[in-house]
Structures are given as C-alpha cells and as structure tokens.
PDB file of N, CA and C in Angstrom:
ATOM      1  N   VAL A   1      89.808 116.918 104.183  1.00  0.00           N
ATOM      2  CA  VAL A   1      90.457 116.695 102.900  1.00  0.00           C
ATOM      3  C   VAL A   1      91.837 116.110 103.150  1.00  0.00           C
ATOM      4  N   PHE A   2      92.148 115.050 102.449  1.00  0.00           N
ATOM      5  CA  PHE A   2      93.456 114.405 102.583  1.00  0.00           C
ATOM      6  C   PHE A   2      94.501 115.202 101.829  1.00  0.00           C
ATOM      7  N   GLU A   3      95.563 115.569 102.507  1.00  0.00           N
ATOM      8  CA  GLU A   3      96.690 116.257 101.886  1.00  0.00           C
ATOM      9  C   GLU A   3      97.869 115.294 101.870  1.00  0.00           C
ATOM     10  N   PRO A   4      98.217 114.744 100.708  1.00  0.00           N
ATOM     11  CA  PRO A   4      99.311 113.777 100.664  1.00  0.00           C
ATOM     12  C   PRO A   4     100.650 114.422 101.003  1.00  0.00           C
ATOM     13  N   ASP A   5     101.494 113.646 101.621  1.00  0.00           N
ATOM     14  CA  ASP A   5     102.844 114.080 101.954  1.00  0.00           C
ATOM     15  C   ASP A   5     103.685 113.968 100.683  1.00  0.00           C
ATOM     16  N   ALA A   6     104.196 115.079 100.215  1.00  0.00           N
ATOM     17  CA  ALA A   6     104.966 115.087  98.968  1.00  0.00           C
ATOM     18  C   ALA A   6     106.169 114.152  99.035  1.00  0.00           C
ATOM     19  N   ALA A   7     106.740 113.998 100.210  1.00  0.00           N
ATOM     20  CA  ALA A   7     107.899 113.115 100.365  1.00  0.00           C
ATOM     21  C   ALA A   7     107.532 111.654 100.126  1.00  0.00           C
ATOM     22  N   ASN A   8     106.274 111.306 100.297  1.00  0.00           N
ATOM     23  CA  ASN A   8     105.823 109.922 100.108  1.00  0.00           C
ATOM     24  C   ASN A   8     105.140 109.703  98.761  1.00  0.00           C
ATOM     25  N   HIS A   9     105.234 110.653  97.861  1.00  0.00           N
ATOM     26  CA  HIS A   9     104.525 110.570  96.579  1.00  0.00           C
ATOM     27  C   HIS A   9     104.855 109.282  95.828  1.00  0.00           C
ATOM     28  N   ALA A  10     106.122 108.906  95.781  1.00  0.00           N
ATOM     29  CA  ALA A  10     106.517 107.681  95.073  1.00  0.00           C
ATOM     30  C   ALA A  10     105.905 106.448  95.728  1.00  0.00           C
ATOM     31  N   VAL A  11     105.816 106.453  97.057  1.00  0.00           N
ATOM     32  CA  VAL A  11     105.198 105.329  97.771  1.00  0.00           C
ATOM     33  C   VAL A  11     103.724 105.241  97.408  1.00  0.00           C
ATOM     34  N   TYR A  12     103.032 106.380  97.412  1.00  0.00           N
ATOM     35  CA  TYR A  12     101.611 106.401  97.051  1.00  0.00           C
ATOM     36  C   TYR A  12     101.412 105.877  95.628  1.00  0.00           C
ATOM     37  N   ASP A  13     102.254 106.330  94.699  1.00  0.00           N
ATOM     38  CA  ASP A  13     102.142 105.872  93.312  1.00  0.00           C
ATOM     39  C   ASP A  13     102.341 104.362  93.208  1.00  0.00           C
ATOM     40  N   ASP A  14     103.329 103.840  93.928  1.00  0.00           N
ATOM     41  CA  ASP A  14     103.612 102.408  93.897  1.00  0.00           C
ATOM     42  C   ASP A  14     102.453 101.604  94.483  1.00  0.00           C
ATOM     43  N   LEU A  15     101.935 102.062  95.619  1.00  0.00           N
ATOM     44  CA  LEU A  15     100.801 101.369  96.236  1.00  0.00           C
ATOM     45  C   LEU A  15      99.573 101.408  95.332  1.00  0.00           C
ATOM     46  N   PHE A  16      99.336 102.541  94.685  1.00  0.00           N
ATOM     47  CA  PHE A  16      98.174 102.643  93.807  1.00  0.00           C
ATOM     48  C   PHE A  16      98.335 101.735  92.589  1.00  0.00           C
ATOM     49  N   ALA A  17      99.548 101.637  92.070  1.00  0.00           N
ATOM     50  CA  ALA A  17      99.788 100.733  90.937  1.00  0.00           C
ATOM     51  C   ALA A  17      99.482  99.292  91.339  1.00  0.00           C
ATOM     52  N   ASP A  18      99.918  98.897  92.532  1.00  0.00           N
ATOM     53  CA  ASP A  18      99.607  97.545  93.024  1.00  0.00           C
ATOM     54  C   ASP A  18      98.105  97.363  93.190  1.00  0.00           C
ATOM     55  N   PHE A  19      97.444  98.336  93.819  1.00  0.00           N
ATOM     56  CA  PHE A  19      95.997  98.267  94.012  1.00  0.00           C
ATOM     57  C   PHE A  19      95.283  98.115  92.671  1.00  0.00           C
ATOM     58  N   SER A  20      95.667  98.929  91.695  1.00  0.00           N
ATOM     59  CA  SER A  20      95.011  98.882  90.385  1.00  0.00           C
ATOM     60  C   SER A  20      95.185  97.524  89.714  1.00  0.00           C
ATOM     61  N   ALA A  21      96.390  96.971  89.792  1.00  0.00           N
ATOM     62  CA  ALA A  21      96.649  95.665  89.177  1.00  0.00           C
ATOM     63  C   ALA A  21      95.846  94.566  89.865  1.00  0.00           C
ATOM     64  N   ILE A  22      95.813  94.596  91.183  1.00  0.00           N
ATOM     65  CA  ILE A  22      95.051  93.586  91.930  1.00  0.00           C
ATOM     66  C   ILE A  22      93.567  93.724  91.633  1.00  0.00           C
ATOM     67  N   ARG A  23      93.077  94.953  91.636  1.00  0.00           N
ATOM     68  CA  ARG A  23      91.655  95.206  91.368  1.00  0.00           C
ATOM     69  C   ARG A  23      91.265  94.657  89.997  1.00  0.00           C
ATOM     70  N   GLU A  24      92.095  94.935  89.004  1.00  0.00           N
ATOM     71  CA  GLU A  24      91.801  94.460  87.652  1.00  0.00           C
ATOM     72  C   GLU A  24      91.844  92.934  87.580  1.00  0.00           C
ATOM     73  N   SER A  25      92.788  92.324  88.283  1.00  0.00           N
ATOM     74  CA  SER A  25      92.941  90.870  88.199  1.00  0.00           C
ATOM     75  C   SER A  25      91.791  90.107  88.847  1.00  0.00           C
ATOM     76  N   VAL A  26      91.082  90.712  89.792  1.00  0.00           N
ATOM     77  CA  VAL A  26      89.978  90.019  90.465  1.00  0.00           C
ATOM     78  C   VAL A  26      88.600  90.538  90.050  1.00  0.00           C
ATOM     79  N   ALA A  27      88.555  91.465  89.118  1.00  0.00           N
ATOM     80  CA  ALA A  27      87.285  92.102  88.744  1.00  0.00           C
ATOM     81  C   ALA A  27      86.214  91.093  88.333  1.00  0.00           C
ATOM     82  N   GLU A  28      86.579  90.061  87.604  1.00  0.00           N
ATOM     83  CA  GLU A  28      85.558  89.107  87.157  1.00  0.00           C
ATOM     84  C   GLU A  28      85.045  88.236  88.302  1.00  0.00           C
ATOM     85  N   GLN A  29      85.730  88.244  89.436  1.00  0.00           N
ATOM     86  CA  GLN A  29      85.281  87.474  90.601  1.00  0.00           C
ATOM     87  C   GLN A  29      84.373  88.277  91.531  1.00  0.00           C
ATOM     88  N   TRP A  30      84.202  89.582  91.287  1.00  0.00           N
ATOM     89  CA  TRP A  30      83.390  90.418  92.170  1.00  0.00           C
ATOM     90  C   TRP A  30      81.979  89.897  92.380  1.00  0.00           C
ATOM     91  N   PRO A  31      81.269  89.459  91.328  1.00  0.00           N
ATOM     92  CA  PRO A  31      79.916  88.934  91.566  1.00  0.00           C
ATOM     93  C   PRO A  31      79.924  87.738  92.527  1.00  0.00           C
ATOM     94  N   ARG A  32      80.902  86.867  92.381  1.00  0.00           N
ATOM     95  CA  ARG A  32      81.007  85.718  93.289  1.00  0.00           C
ATOM     96  C   ARG A  32      81.296  86.178  94.721  1.00  0.00           C
ATOM     97  N   LEU A  33      82.192  87.145  94.876  1.00  0.00           N
ATOM     98  CA  LEU A  33      82.508  87.670  96.202  1.00  0.00           C
ATOM     99  C   LEU A  33      81.291  88.342  96.833  1.00  0.00           C
ATOM    100  N   ALA A  34      80.545  89.093  96.028  1.00  0.00           N
ATOM    101  CA  ALA A  34      79.346  89.767  96.540  1.00  0.00           C
ATOM    102  C   ALA A  34      78.300  88.749  96.974  1.00  0.00           C
ATOM    103  N   ALA A  35      78.132  87.695  96.183  1.00  0.00           N
ATOM    104  CA  ALA A  35      77.161  86.659  96.541  1.00  0.00           C
ATOM    105  C   ALA A  35      77.574  85.961  97.834  1.00  0.00           C
ATOM    106  N   SER A  36      78.856  85.695  97.976  1.00  0.00           N
ATOM    107  CA  SER A  36      79.348  85.062  99.200  1.00  0.00           C
ATOM    108  C   SER A  36      79.120  85.970 100.400  1.00  0.00           C
ATOM    109  N   ARG A  37      79.378  87.246 100.207  1.00  0.00           N
ATOM    110  CA  ARG A  37      79.160  88.201 101.302  1.00  0.00           C
ATOM    111  C   ARG A  37      77.689  88.224 101.705  1.00  0.00           C
ATOM    112  N   SER A  38      76.803  88.181 100.733  1.00  0.00           N
ATOM    113  CA  SER A  38      75.367  88.186 101.029  1.00  0.00           C
ATOM    114  C   SER A  38      74.952  86.929 101.791  1.00  0.00           C
ATOM    115  N   ARG A  39      75.498  85.789 101.387  1.00  0.00           N
ATOM    116  CA  ARG A  39      75.151  84.526 102.050  1.00  0.00           C
ATOM    117  C   ARG A  39      75.656  84.467 103.485  1.00  0.00           C
ATOM    118  N   HIS A  40      76.754  85.155 103.755  1.00  0.00           N
ATOM    119  CA  HIS A  40      77.403  85.052 105.062  1.00  0.00           C
ATOM    120  C   HIS A  40      77.454  86.386 105.796  1.00  0.00           C
ATOM    121  N   SER A  41      76.483  87.239 105.554  1.00  0.00           N
ATOM    122  CA  SER A  41      76.517  88.580 106.140  1.00  0.00           C
ATOM    123  C   SER A  41      76.482  88.556 107.663  1.00  0.00           C
ATOM    124  N   ASN A  42      75.963  87.487 108.251  1.00  0.00           N
ATOM    125  CA  ASN A  42      75.927  87.393 109.713  1.00  0.00           C
ATOM    126  C   ASN A  42      77.327  87.224 110.316  1.00  0.00           C
ATOM    127  N   LEU A  43      78.310  86.887 109.493  1.00  0.00           N
ATOM    128  CA  LEU A  43      79.673  86.684 109.991  1.00  0.00           C
ATOM    129  C   LEU A  43      80.575  87.895 109.784  1.00  0.00           C
ATOM    130  N   LEU A  44      80.059  88.919 109.105  1.00  0.00           N
ATOM    131  CA  LEU A  44      80.877  90.082 108.796  1.00  0.00           C
ATOM    132  C   LEU A  44      80.974  91.017 109.990  1.00  0.00           C
ATOM    133  N   PRO A  45      82.134  91.679 110.142  1.00  0.00           N
ATOM    134  CA  PRO A  45      82.271  92.639 111.236  1.00  0.00           C
ATOM    135  C   PRO A  45      81.357  93.835 111.006  1.00  0.00           C
ATOM    136  N   THR A  46      80.935  94.439 112.080  1.00  0.00           N
ATOM    137  CA  THR A  46      80.116  95.644 111.994  1.00  0.00           C
ATOM    138  C   THR A  46      80.802  96.740 112.784  1.00  0.00           C
ATOM    139  N   GLY A  47      80.389  97.957 112.563  1.00  0.00           N
ATOM    140  CA  GLY A  47      80.970  99.080 113.287  1.00  0.00           C
ATOM    141  C   GLY A  47      82.201  99.629 112.588  1.00  0.00           C
ATOM    142  N   ASP A  48      82.859 100.542 113.265  1.00  0.00           N
ATOM    143  CA  ASP A  48      84.034 101.193 112.708  1.00  0.00           C
ATOM    144  C   ASP A  48      85.246 100.274 112.775  1.00  0.00           C
ATOM    145  N   LEU A  49      86.080 100.378 111.765  1.00  0.00           N
ATOM    146  CA  LEU A  49      87.326  99.640 111.731  1.00  0.00           C
ATOM    147  C   LEU A  49      88.367 100.451 112.490  1.00  0.00           C
ATOM    148  N   GLU A  50      88.976  99.840 113.479  1.00  0.00           N
ATOM    149  CA  GLU A  50      90.000 100.526 114.257  1.00  0.00           C
ATOM    150  C   GLU A  50      91.358  99.943 113.890  1.00  0.00           C
ATOM    151  N   LEU A  51      92.226 100.792 113.370  1.00  0.00           N
ATOM    152  CA  LEU A  51      93.560 100.360 112.990  1.00  0.00           C
ATOM    153  C   LEU A  51      94.544 100.706 114.091  1.00  0.00           C
ATOM    154  N   GLU A  52      95.398  99.765 114.383  1.00  0.00           N
ATOM    155  CA  GLU A  52      96.461 100.012 115.353  1.00  0.00           C
ATOM    156  C   GLU A  52      97.548 100.827 114.659  1.00  0.00           C
ATOM    157  N   PRO A  53      98.205 101.735 115.371  1.00  0.00           N
ATOM    158  CA  PRO A  53      99.245 102.576 114.752  1.00  0.00           C
ATOM    159  C   PRO A  53     100.312 101.775 114.018  1.00  0.00           C
ATOM    160  N   GLU A  54     100.692 100.605 114.545  1.00  0.00           N
ATOM    161  CA  GLU A  54     101.735  99.830 113.879  1.00  0.00           C
ATOM    162  C   GLU A  54     101.279  99.299 112.520  1.00  0.00           C
ATOM    163  N   SER A  55      99.972  99.181 112.294  1.00  0.00           N
ATOM    164  CA  SER A  55      99.486  98.699 111.000  1.00  0.00           C
ATOM    165  C   SER A  55      99.628  99.755 109.918  1.00  0.00           C
ATOM    166  N   MET A  56      99.889 100.987 110.299  1.00  0.00           N
ATOM    167  CA  MET A  56     100.047 102.071 109.339  1.00  0.00           C
ATOM    168  C   MET A  56     101.512 102.279 108.961  1.00  0.00           C
ATOM    169  N   SER A  57     102.424 101.488 109.505  1.00  0.00           N
ATOM    170  CA  SER A  57     103.855 101.699 109.296  1.00  0.00           C
ATOM    171  C   SER A  57     104.293 101.473 107.858  1.00  0.00           C
ATOM    172  N   ILE A  58     103.461 100.850 107.030  1.00  0.00           N
ATOM    173  CA  ILE A  58     103.831 100.609 105.634  1.00  0.00           C
ATOM    174  C   ILE A  58     104.094 101.914 104.893  1.00  0.00           C
ATOM    175  N   LEU A  59     103.453 102.986 105.311  1.00  0.00           N
ATOM    176  CA  LEU A  59     103.626 104.264 104.630  1.00  0.00           C
ATOM    177  C   LEU A  59     104.778 105.084 105.199  1.00  0.00           C
ATOM    178  N   GLU A  60     105.438 104.563 106.196  1.00  0.00           N
ATOM    179  CA  GLU A  60     106.537 105.329 106.805  1.00  0.00           C
ATOM    180  C   GLU A  60     107.852 105.026 106.141  1.00  0.00           C
TER     181      GLU A  60
END
C-alpha cells in the first residue's frame, strides 16, 4: 500500500492536476493511439520498466 509523504502533499496535488488536465485534453485521441499501438505492437518494449533513481528526483 502506498503511503504518501505528507510533506509532499502539495506536490502530489499539483502533479495530479497536471495529469488530469493532460488526460482530458487527449481523451478524444485515445482510439487513434490504441490503433497505432496495435499496428506497431512489435516495436513496443516488453518486460518490467526499470527507472533510474535520478528519474524520480521530480518528487524530491
């Protein structure tokens, strides 16, 4: 279970607001994106996504 850091609450809220706005702005393009993904599935990465520690610095 994810336990958010209370000290970063404002950061989480800001990031979620950005995510929500972006998600809403591209929602009508999802069918096109899904079709493209289906056509090019052989080019998509497989397996687990490994993040480098420095890529997580946005939340610090």
